[in-house]
Amino acid sequence: MTPAENERLARIGPGTEMGALLRRYWHPVAGVAELDDNPIKALRLFGEDLVLYRDRSGTYGLLARACPHRRSDLSYGYVEACGLRCSYHGWRFDETGACTAQPFEDQVNDSHRFRAAGQTIAHRAAAHAGLVWAYLGPDPAPLVPNYEPFTWTNGYVQIVLAEVPCNWLQCQENSIDPVHFEWMHDNRAAGELGKVDDYSPTHLKLGFDEFDHGFVYRRLREDSNDETNPLWSIGRVCLWPNALFTGDHFEWRVPIDDEQTLSVVWAFNPVPIERRPYRQERIPCWTGPIADAATGRWITSHVMNQDFVAWVGQGVIADRSGEHLGRSDRGVTMLRRRFVDELDALASSDTTARDPKAIVRDADANECIELPIIGREGLRDGITVEQYQALRGAFRARLGISDPFIFQYGQPAAIRAEYEAVMGTDGL
């Protein structure tokens, strides 16, 4: 790639082509549980400083963070029955950005005509599957996608956030790079101990296919070189435009700005059959640290943390003009080419000819968007406590992770205790 091509795909700020494309999708930006604890959250998305809130009627809003009156910080305001009120002079705004109250001005101007000048920037926000989603694009907004796992009951879900100091694109390219799992995850424990004889079986064959909601990557290794293996016959999903889906969890890479990315994980564990029926009343949300506070080094103990190391190691914005791509990178090349095609279509004179890839507008289709899922029956219908414990133990041993939650470092003790109690493995 030339530097100009790289810039075109990486930059997402206002006025950029990629920013305009990605703004046409809904993005998860917070956990509903966060706003249970504090109904106002400051956010930076796509280079914009914003404030997310849920008012006392349950309506979500996403507004420019600076009050249009005297530019005070609305994240220090307070919610009312219908909207967010600035704590500086009391101007109040609803979810459309309309100014609905100006206490002193309303006293001296009975027509309330001055309120129109108080209109502020507003974007759409909606809650779904324990996540708060944001839409920063043009009207009409598409539907928030309702992927199949969001319809499953009898499962324990948790949401994990992290801010990663690098560009979103190198994070998303990881979603279609199967060989990295062999070396970044499977071999890490053996490699750090110098046990080269304990390296995992190597990859022998890779396949990449595009479908309506992204790409599927397939792989065969020395220990499972059989095309009936679900890693080949079903595969994993690089979810368009900025996520990974592995069957039991999603990972979104949401641009904060050109140099920072919000990592959002939605992780599902089926509650064992013996513990059912079970319905989760509240989906916990927590933020995991990515660096060791004592040493400043990146944390490398968990799967996502290991990925973070690879992403930030490419630089704040990866210089793709210096790459040497091989056959294992065919999926990355396919992803980039699709982005180029979508940018070209958006830039063409006939921008109304079609929606970008994977936009959801059909309400019937959105009742349940099916994706390729390895082990669908076990995830949906459940397994026994004994089966779950065996699977968990195998994963922990293979990856060299002692923590019951292997995906990300820093799970709060209270959430771990709740999870273990629900799954029936507390004390094991």
Protein backbone atom coordinates (compact mmCIF):
# COMPACT_ATOMS: atom_id res chain seq x y z
CA MET A 1 0.00 0.00 0.00
CA THR A 2 1.12 3.54 -0.66
CA PRO A 3 1.05 6.05 2.21
CA ALA A 4 -1.95 7.74 0.57
CA GLU A 5 -3.87 4.45 0.35
CA ASN A 6 -3.00 3.76 3.97
CA GLU A 7 -4.28 7.16 5.06
CA ARG A 8 -7.52 6.64 3.15
CA LEU A 9 -8.33 3.43 5.04
CA ALA A 10 -7.05 4.43 8.48
CA ARG A 11 -8.30 7.99 9.03
CA ILE A 12 -11.82 8.28 10.47
CA GLY A 13 -12.22 11.89 11.61
CA PRO A 14 -14.87 14.34 10.35
CA GLY A 15 -14.59 14.86 6.59
CA THR A 16 -12.71 11.62 5.90
CA GLU A 17 -13.99 8.92 3.56
CA MET A 18 -13.60 6.07 6.04
CA GLY A 19 -15.17 8.15 8.78
CA ALA A 20 -18.20 8.76 6.54
CA LEU A 21 -18.49 5.03 5.81
CA LEU A 22 -18.19 3.79 9.38
CA ARG A 23 -20.64 6.41 10.64
CA ARG A 24 -23.36 4.63 8.67
CA TYR A 25 -23.24 1.71 11.12
CA TRP A 26 -24.35 1.34 14.72
CA HIS A 27 -21.41 0.87 17.12
CA PRO A 28 -21.49 -0.41 20.73
CA VAL A 29 -19.94 2.27 22.93
CA ALA A 30 -20.90 1.44 26.54
CA GLY A 31 -22.65 -1.04 28.77
CA VAL A 32 -26.20 -0.44 29.95
CA ALA A 33 -24.99 -1.36 33.44
CA GLU A 34 -22.58 1.58 33.39
CA LEU A 35 -25.50 3.99 33.10
CA ASP A 36 -27.29 2.16 35.91
CA ASP A 37 -24.44 3.26 38.15
CA ASN A 38 -24.02 6.74 36.62
CA PRO A 39 -26.49 7.93 33.96
CA ILE A 40 -23.95 10.22 32.27
CA LYS A 41 -20.75 9.16 30.51
CA ALA A 42 -18.24 11.27 28.59
CA LEU A 43 -17.21 9.70 25.29
CA ARG A 44 -14.97 10.47 22.37
CA LEU A 45 -16.05 8.79 19.12
CA PHE A 46 -14.77 9.34 15.59
CA GLY A 47 -12.85 12.39 16.78
CA GLU A 48 -15.91 14.01 18.40
CA ASP A 49 -16.17 14.80 22.11
CA LEU A 50 -19.63 13.64 23.20
CA VAL A 51 -21.73 12.90 26.25
CA LEU A 52 -23.93 9.82 26.53
CA TYR A 53 -26.82 9.87 28.98
CA ARG A 54 -30.01 8.10 30.00
CA ASP A 55 -32.69 10.40 31.37
CA ARG A 56 -35.14 9.50 34.11
CA SER A 57 -37.75 8.33 31.61
CA GLY A 58 -35.23 5.80 30.22
CA THR A 59 -34.48 7.65 26.98
CA TYR A 60 -30.88 7.55 25.74
CA GLY A 61 -29.19 10.59 24.24
CA LEU A 62 -25.79 11.31 22.69
CA LEU A 63 -24.91 15.00 22.47
CA ALA A 64 -21.93 17.21 21.80
CA ARG A 65 -20.08 17.47 25.07
CA ALA A 66 -19.74 21.28 25.01
CA CYS A 67 -22.92 23.18 25.88
CA PRO A 68 -23.76 25.58 23.01
CA HIS A 69 -24.36 28.39 25.51
CA ARG A 70 -20.94 28.99 27.11
CA ARG A 71 -19.22 25.68 26.19
CA SER A 72 -19.48 24.13 29.63
CA ASP A 73 -18.92 20.37 29.94
CA LEU A 74 -22.30 18.60 29.79
CA SER A 75 -20.85 15.42 31.29
CA TYR A 76 -21.07 17.31 34.60
CA GLY A 77 -24.74 18.08 34.09
CA TYR A 78 -27.66 16.11 35.48
CA VAL A 79 -30.47 14.11 33.99
CA GLU A 80 -34.11 15.01 34.38
CA ALA A 81 -37.36 13.35 33.35
CA CYS A 82 -36.82 14.35 29.71
CA GLY A 83 -33.26 15.31 28.90
CA LEU A 84 -29.91 16.50 30.20
CA ARG A 85 -29.50 19.84 31.98
CA CYS A 86 -26.26 21.83 31.96
CA SER A 87 -25.06 22.51 35.48
CA TYR A 88 -23.63 25.93 34.54
CA HIS A 89 -26.74 27.95 33.58
CA GLY A 90 -29.46 25.32 33.49
CA TRP A 91 -30.01 24.95 29.77
CA ARG A 92 -31.68 21.61 29.10
CA PHE A 93 -31.46 19.44 25.98
CA ASP A 94 -33.42 16.43 24.74
CA GLU A 95 -32.16 13.46 22.72
CA THR A 96 -32.67 15.33 19.42
CA GLY A 97 -30.35 18.13 20.56
CA ALA A 98 -33.23 20.60 20.95
CA CYS A 99 -32.90 23.08 23.78
CA THR A 100 -36.04 22.63 25.86
CA ALA A 101 -35.31 25.04 28.70
CA GLN A 102 -33.26 28.23 29.20
CA PRO A 103 -34.25 29.35 32.70
CA PHE A 104 -33.40 33.06 32.58
CA GLU A 105 -34.08 33.55 28.87
CA ASP A 106 -37.48 31.87 29.27
CA GLN A 107 -38.36 34.49 31.90
CA VAL A 108 -37.62 37.46 29.67
CA ASN A 109 -38.63 36.06 26.25
CA ASP A 110 -42.15 34.66 26.28
CA SER A 111 -41.92 33.49 22.67
CA HIS A 112 -39.10 31.08 23.53
CA ARG A 113 -37.74 31.95 20.08
CA PHE A 114 -34.20 32.15 21.41
CA ARG A 115 -34.27 28.43 22.21
CA ALA A 116 -33.74 27.57 18.54
CA ALA A 117 -30.27 29.05 18.78
CA GLY A 118 -29.52 26.56 21.53
CA GLN A 119 -29.81 23.49 19.26
CA THR A 120 -26.79 21.26 19.77
CA ILE A 121 -25.27 18.35 17.87
CA ALA A 122 -27.09 15.11 18.61
CA HIS A 123 -26.57 11.53 17.49
CA ARG A 124 -28.77 8.49 18.00
CA ALA A 125 -28.28 6.13 20.94
CA ALA A 126 -30.11 2.89 21.73
CA ALA A 127 -29.83 -0.01 24.18
CA HIS A 128 -29.70 -3.61 22.96
CA ALA A 129 -28.25 -6.84 24.39
CA GLY A 130 -26.83 -5.04 27.42
CA LEU A 131 -24.92 -2.62 25.20
CA VAL A 132 -25.54 1.03 24.41
CA TRP A 133 -25.14 1.62 20.68
CA ALA A 134 -24.38 4.88 18.88
CA TYR A 135 -25.20 5.95 15.33
CA LEU A 136 -23.40 9.02 13.99
CA GLY A 137 -24.48 8.79 10.35
CA PRO A 138 -27.15 10.29 8.10
CA ASP A 139 -30.86 9.56 8.24
CA PRO A 140 -32.59 7.24 7.86
CA ALA A 141 -30.69 5.21 10.41
CA PRO A 142 -30.54 1.44 9.87
CA LEU A 143 -31.65 -1.06 12.51
CA VAL A 144 -29.40 -2.07 15.38
CA PRO A 145 -28.32 -5.58 14.29
CA ASN A 146 -29.88 -8.39 16.29
CA TYR A 147 -27.34 -11.19 15.95
CA GLU A 148 -28.37 -14.71 16.93
CA PRO A 149 -26.46 -14.85 20.27
CA PHE A 150 -28.43 -11.80 21.44
CA THR A 151 -31.57 -13.96 21.25
CA TRP A 152 -30.20 -16.78 23.42
CA THR A 153 -31.47 -17.11 26.97
CA ASN A 154 -30.02 -19.18 29.83
CA GLY A 155 -26.58 -17.65 29.47
CA TYR A 156 -24.21 -15.48 31.50
CA VAL A 157 -23.02 -12.43 29.56
CA GLN A 158 -20.42 -9.87 30.48
CA ILE A 159 -19.17 -6.80 28.64
CA VAL A 160 -15.52 -5.76 28.80
CA LEU A 161 -14.11 -2.43 27.65
CA ALA A 162 -10.56 -1.19 27.05
CA GLU A 163 -9.01 1.83 25.38
CA VAL A 164 -6.19 0.81 23.07
CA PRO A 165 -3.70 3.50 21.95
CA CYS A 166 -3.61 2.77 18.22
CA ASN A 167 -5.67 3.08 15.06
CA TRP A 168 -8.81 0.96 14.64
CA LEU A 169 -7.81 -0.65 11.32
CA GLN A 170 -4.86 -2.68 12.60
CA CYS A 171 -7.18 -3.94 15.35
CA GLN A 172 -9.79 -5.06 12.83
CA GLU A 173 -7.26 -6.68 10.49
CA ASN A 174 -6.48 -9.03 13.38
CA SER A 175 -10.05 -10.37 12.93
CA ILE A 176 -9.14 -12.08 9.67
CA ASP A 177 -5.65 -13.32 10.55
CA PRO A 178 -5.98 -16.95 11.73
CA VAL A 179 -2.25 -17.76 11.87
CA HIS A 180 -1.69 -15.19 14.61
CA PHE A 181 -3.64 -17.42 17.02
CA GLU A 182 -0.99 -20.12 16.70
CA TRP A 183 1.85 -17.80 17.71
CA MET A 184 0.27 -14.98 19.68
CA HIS A 185 -1.85 -17.26 21.89
CA ASP A 186 -1.24 -21.01 21.56
CA ASN A 187 2.55 -20.84 21.68
CA ARG A 188 3.04 -17.95 24.07
CA ALA A 189 3.33 -19.99 27.26
CA ALA A 190 5.75 -22.50 25.71
CA GLY A 191 7.72 -19.75 23.95
CA GLU A 192 8.20 -17.70 27.11
CA LEU A 193 9.52 -20.81 28.89
CA GLY A 194 11.78 -21.78 25.99
CA LYS A 195 9.90 -25.05 25.42
CA VAL A 196 10.07 -25.09 21.63
CA ASP A 197 9.18 -28.78 21.59
CA ASP A 198 5.80 -27.90 23.11
CA TYR A 199 4.69 -25.59 20.30
CA SER A 200 1.16 -26.20 19.07
CA PRO A 201 0.43 -27.93 15.74
CA THR A 202 1.09 -25.60 12.83
CA HIS A 203 -1.42 -24.45 10.23
CA LEU A 204 -1.46 -26.35 6.94
CA LYS A 205 -4.36 -24.79 5.04
CA LEU A 206 -6.34 -21.54 5.14
CA GLY A 207 -9.54 -20.46 3.40
CA PHE A 208 -11.35 -17.12 3.19
CA ASP A 209 -14.87 -16.46 1.94
CA GLU A 210 -17.04 -13.35 1.85
CA PHE A 211 -20.71 -13.41 2.87
CA ASP A 212 -23.44 -10.85 3.57
CA HIS A 213 -22.22 -9.90 7.05
CA GLY A 214 -18.48 -10.06 6.58
CA PHE A 215 -15.91 -12.77 5.92
CA VAL A 216 -15.41 -16.34 7.11
CA TYR A 217 -11.91 -17.64 7.70
CA ARG A 218 -11.22 -21.38 7.75
CA ARG A 219 -8.14 -23.25 8.94
CA LEU A 220 -6.69 -26.73 9.23
CA ARG A 221 -3.75 -27.70 11.42
CA GLU A 222 -1.46 -30.67 11.70
CA ASP A 223 -3.59 -32.22 14.43
CA SER A 224 -6.90 -31.78 12.58
CA ASN A 225 -6.17 -31.91 8.86
CA ASP A 226 -9.70 -32.99 7.93
CA GLU A 227 -12.17 -30.79 6.08
CA THR A 228 -15.01 -32.08 8.27
CA ASN A 229 -13.34 -30.25 11.18
CA PRO A 230 -15.65 -27.34 12.12
CA LEU A 231 -12.72 -24.90 12.01
CA TRP A 232 -12.79 -25.60 8.26
CA SER A 233 -16.39 -26.61 7.51
CA ILE A 234 -17.90 -23.71 9.52
CA GLY A 235 -15.06 -21.31 10.34
CA ARG A 236 -14.94 -18.08 12.29
CA VAL A 237 -16.33 -14.66 11.34
CA CYS A 238 -14.66 -11.37 10.61
CA LEU A 239 -17.81 -9.32 11.15
CA TRP A 240 -18.28 -6.28 8.93
CA PRO A 241 -17.23 -3.58 9.36
CA ASN A 242 -15.23 -3.65 12.61
CA ALA A 243 -15.71 -6.77 14.71
CA LEU A 244 -14.72 -10.39 15.26
CA PHE A 245 -17.28 -13.09 16.11
CA THR A 246 -16.15 -16.51 17.34
CA GLY A 247 -19.50 -18.02 18.37
CA ASP A 248 -19.33 -17.31 22.09
CA HIS A 249 -18.17 -13.71 21.95
CA PHE A 250 -17.98 -10.56 19.85
CA GLU A 251 -15.08 -8.12 19.76
CA TRP A 252 -15.73 -4.66 18.33
CA ARG A 253 -13.00 -2.15 17.49
CA VAL A 254 -14.70 1.27 17.68
CA PRO A 255 -12.67 4.32 16.63
CA ILE A 256 -12.24 6.89 19.38
CA ASP A 257 -10.14 8.99 17.01
CA ASP A 258 -7.33 8.26 14.55
CA GLU A 259 -4.95 7.17 17.30
CA GLN A 260 -7.18 5.40 19.85
CA THR A 261 -9.63 2.51 19.69
CA LEU A 262 -12.37 1.40 22.07
CA SER A 263 -12.31 -2.40 22.40
CA VAL A 264 -15.75 -3.79 23.29
CA VAL A 265 -16.14 -7.48 24.15
CA TRP A 266 -19.56 -9.16 24.57
CA ALA A 267 -18.87 -12.61 26.03
CA PHE A 268 -21.49 -15.36 26.42
CA ASN A 269 -21.27 -18.53 28.49
CA PRO A 270 -24.17 -21.00 28.41
CA VAL A 271 -25.28 -21.81 31.94
CA PRO A 272 -24.93 -25.60 32.45
CA ILE A 273 -28.03 -27.73 32.03
CA GLU A 274 -28.13 -28.59 35.74
CA ARG A 275 -28.34 -24.88 36.62
CA ARG A 276 -31.28 -24.05 34.32
CA PRO A 277 -33.64 -22.33 33.94
CA TYR A 278 -31.60 -19.16 34.38
CA ARG A 279 -32.23 -15.62 33.22
CA GLN A 280 -29.68 -12.89 33.71
CA GLU A 281 -31.25 -9.78 35.20
CA ARG A 282 -28.27 -7.48 34.67
CA ILE A 283 -25.34 -7.77 32.27
CA PRO A 284 -22.22 -6.56 34.08
CA CYS A 285 -19.78 -4.24 32.34
CA TRP A 286 -16.19 -3.63 33.40
CA THR A 287 -13.06 -1.97 32.05
CA GLY A 288 -9.81 -3.92 31.94
CA PRO A 289 -6.37 -2.32 32.29
CA ILE A 290 -3.98 -2.91 29.40
CA ALA A 291 -0.68 -1.89 31.04
CA ASP A 292 1.00 -2.92 34.28
CA ALA A 293 0.84 0.09 36.60
CA ALA A 294 4.16 -0.83 38.25
CA THR A 295 6.29 -1.39 35.14
CA GLY A 296 4.42 0.39 32.34
CA ARG A 297 4.72 -2.75 30.22
CA TRP A 298 1.73 -4.10 28.33
CA ILE A 299 -0.13 -6.91 30.10
CA THR A 300 0.27 -10.18 28.14
CA SER A 301 -1.46 -12.78 30.31
CA HIS A 302 -4.87 -12.96 28.58
CA VAL A 303 -6.06 -13.46 25.00
CA MET A 304 -7.27 -9.91 24.30
CA ASN A 305 -4.30 -8.39 26.09
CA GLN A 306 -1.97 -10.38 23.86
CA ASP A 307 -3.80 -8.99 20.84
CA PHE A 308 -3.45 -5.45 22.20
CA VAL A 309 0.33 -5.95 22.29
CA ALA A 310 0.34 -6.92 18.60
CA TRP A 311 -1.83 -3.96 17.60
CA VAL A 312 0.04 -1.22 19.45
CA GLY A 313 3.35 -2.77 18.37
CA GLN A 314 2.56 -1.78 14.77
CA GLY A 315 2.67 1.89 15.74
CA VAL A 316 -0.07 4.39 16.42
CA ILE A 317 -1.09 4.12 12.77
CA ALA A 318 0.53 1.14 11.07
CA ASP A 319 2.79 1.97 8.10
CA ARG A 320 1.47 -0.56 5.59
CA SER A 321 3.82 0.67 2.88
CA GLY A 322 6.60 -1.30 4.62
CA GLU A 323 4.74 -4.64 4.80
CA HIS A 324 5.71 -7.92 3.15
CA LEU A 325 2.43 -9.81 2.81
CA GLY A 326 2.32 -13.57 2.27
CA ARG A 327 -0.33 -16.16 1.49
CA SER A 328 -1.51 -16.21 5.09
CA ASP A 329 -2.48 -12.54 4.62
CA ARG A 330 -5.01 -13.16 1.85
CA GLY A 331 -7.88 -12.42 4.23
CA VAL A 332 -6.33 -9.09 5.20
CA THR A 333 -6.00 -8.22 1.51
CA MET A 334 -9.65 -9.16 0.89
CA LEU A 335 -10.76 -6.97 3.78
CA ARG A 336 -8.81 -3.97 2.51
CA ARG A 337 -10.11 -4.38 -1.03
CA ARG A 338 -13.70 -4.50 0.21
CA PHE A 339 -13.16 -1.30 2.16
CA VAL A 340 -11.75 0.35 -0.98
CA ASP A 341 -14.77 -0.82 -2.98
CA GLU A 342 -17.15 0.59 -0.37
CA LEU A 343 -15.30 3.92 -0.23
CA ASP A 344 -15.35 4.18 -4.02
CA ALA A 345 -19.09 3.48 -4.07
CA LEU A 346 -19.75 6.08 -1.40
CA ALA A 347 -17.69 8.65 -3.30
CA SER A 348 -19.47 8.01 -6.60
CA SER A 349 -22.13 10.35 -7.91
CA ASP A 350 -24.83 7.71 -7.39
CA THR A 351 -24.57 7.42 -3.60
CA THR A 352 -28.22 6.39 -3.24
CA ALA A 353 -27.86 3.29 -5.42
CA ARG A 354 -27.28 0.98 -2.46
CA ASP A 355 -26.48 0.85 1.20
CA PRO A 356 -22.97 -0.09 2.23
CA LYS A 357 -22.28 -3.74 3.01
CA ALA A 358 -24.16 -5.37 5.91
CA ILE A 359 -26.52 -2.46 6.65
CA VAL A 360 -29.69 -3.91 8.24
CA ARG A 361 -33.06 -2.40 7.34
CA ASP A 362 -35.35 -5.44 7.04
CA ALA A 363 -37.16 -5.85 10.38
CA ASP A 364 -38.14 -9.45 9.64
CA ALA A 365 -34.56 -10.43 8.81
CA ASN A 366 -33.42 -8.62 11.96
CA GLU A 367 -35.53 -10.86 14.18
CA CYS A 368 -32.46 -13.12 14.29
CA ILE A 369 -29.37 -12.63 12.11
CA GLU A 370 -27.71 -16.02 11.86
CA LEU A 371 -23.93 -16.19 11.59
CA PRO A 372 -21.61 -19.21 11.19
CA ILE A 373 -21.23 -20.66 14.70
CA ILE A 374 -19.04 -23.57 15.77
CA GLY A 375 -20.77 -25.50 18.55
CA ARG A 376 -24.11 -23.70 18.13
CA GLU A 377 -26.11 -26.43 19.90
CA GLY A 378 -23.93 -26.44 23.01
CA LEU A 379 -23.95 -22.66 23.24
CA ARG A 380 -27.67 -22.34 22.68
CA ASP A 381 -28.92 -25.44 24.52
CA GLY A 382 -26.23 -25.81 27.17
CA ILE A 383 -23.78 -28.44 28.38
CA THR A 384 -23.25 -30.09 31.75
CA VAL A 385 -21.14 -28.64 34.55
CA GLU A 386 -18.66 -31.48 34.03
CA GLN A 387 -18.38 -30.77 30.28
CA TYR A 388 -17.98 -27.06 30.93
CA GLN A 389 -15.27 -27.62 33.52
CA ALA A 390 -13.37 -29.92 31.15
CA LEU A 391 -13.55 -27.41 28.29
CA ARG A 392 -12.49 -24.54 30.50
CA GLY A 393 -9.60 -26.52 31.92
CA ALA A 394 -8.41 -27.51 28.45
CA PHE A 395 -8.43 -23.91 27.24
CA ARG A 396 -6.64 -22.63 30.32
CA ALA A 397 -3.95 -25.30 30.04
CA ARG A 398 -3.48 -24.80 26.31
CA LEU A 399 -3.14 -21.02 26.61
CA GLY A 400 -1.24 -21.02 29.89
CA ILE A 401 -3.87 -18.84 31.58
CA SER A 402 -4.77 -19.53 35.19
CA ASP A 403 -7.65 -17.04 35.32
CA PRO A 404 -11.13 -18.59 34.81
CA PHE A 405 -11.97 -15.70 32.42
CA ILE A 406 -9.37 -16.14 29.69
CA PHE A 407 -10.32 -13.29 27.38
CA GLN A 408 -9.14 -10.20 29.24
CA TYR A 409 -7.20 -9.27 32.35
CA GLY A 410 -8.75 -7.50 35.32
CA GLN A 411 -12.16 -9.12 35.86
CA PRO A 412 -13.51 -7.66 39.13
CA ALA A 413 -13.72 -10.13 42.01
CA ALA A 414 -17.46 -9.56 42.47
CA ILE A 415 -18.21 -10.39 38.83
CA ARG A 416 -15.98 -13.45 38.95
CA ALA A 417 -17.74 -14.69 42.07
CA GLU A 418 -21.16 -14.15 40.51
CA TYR A 419 -20.09 -15.90 37.32
CA GLU A 420 -18.66 -18.93 39.14
CA ALA A 421 -21.77 -19.23 41.29
CA VAL A 422 -24.10 -19.09 38.27
CA MET A 423 -22.04 -21.64 36.35
CA GLY A 424 -21.89 -24.00 39.33
CA THR A 425 -18.11 -24.04 39.46
CA ASP A 426 -17.47 -21.97 42.58
CA GLY A 427 -15.06 -23.81 44.80
CA LEU A 428 -13.82 -26.07 41.98
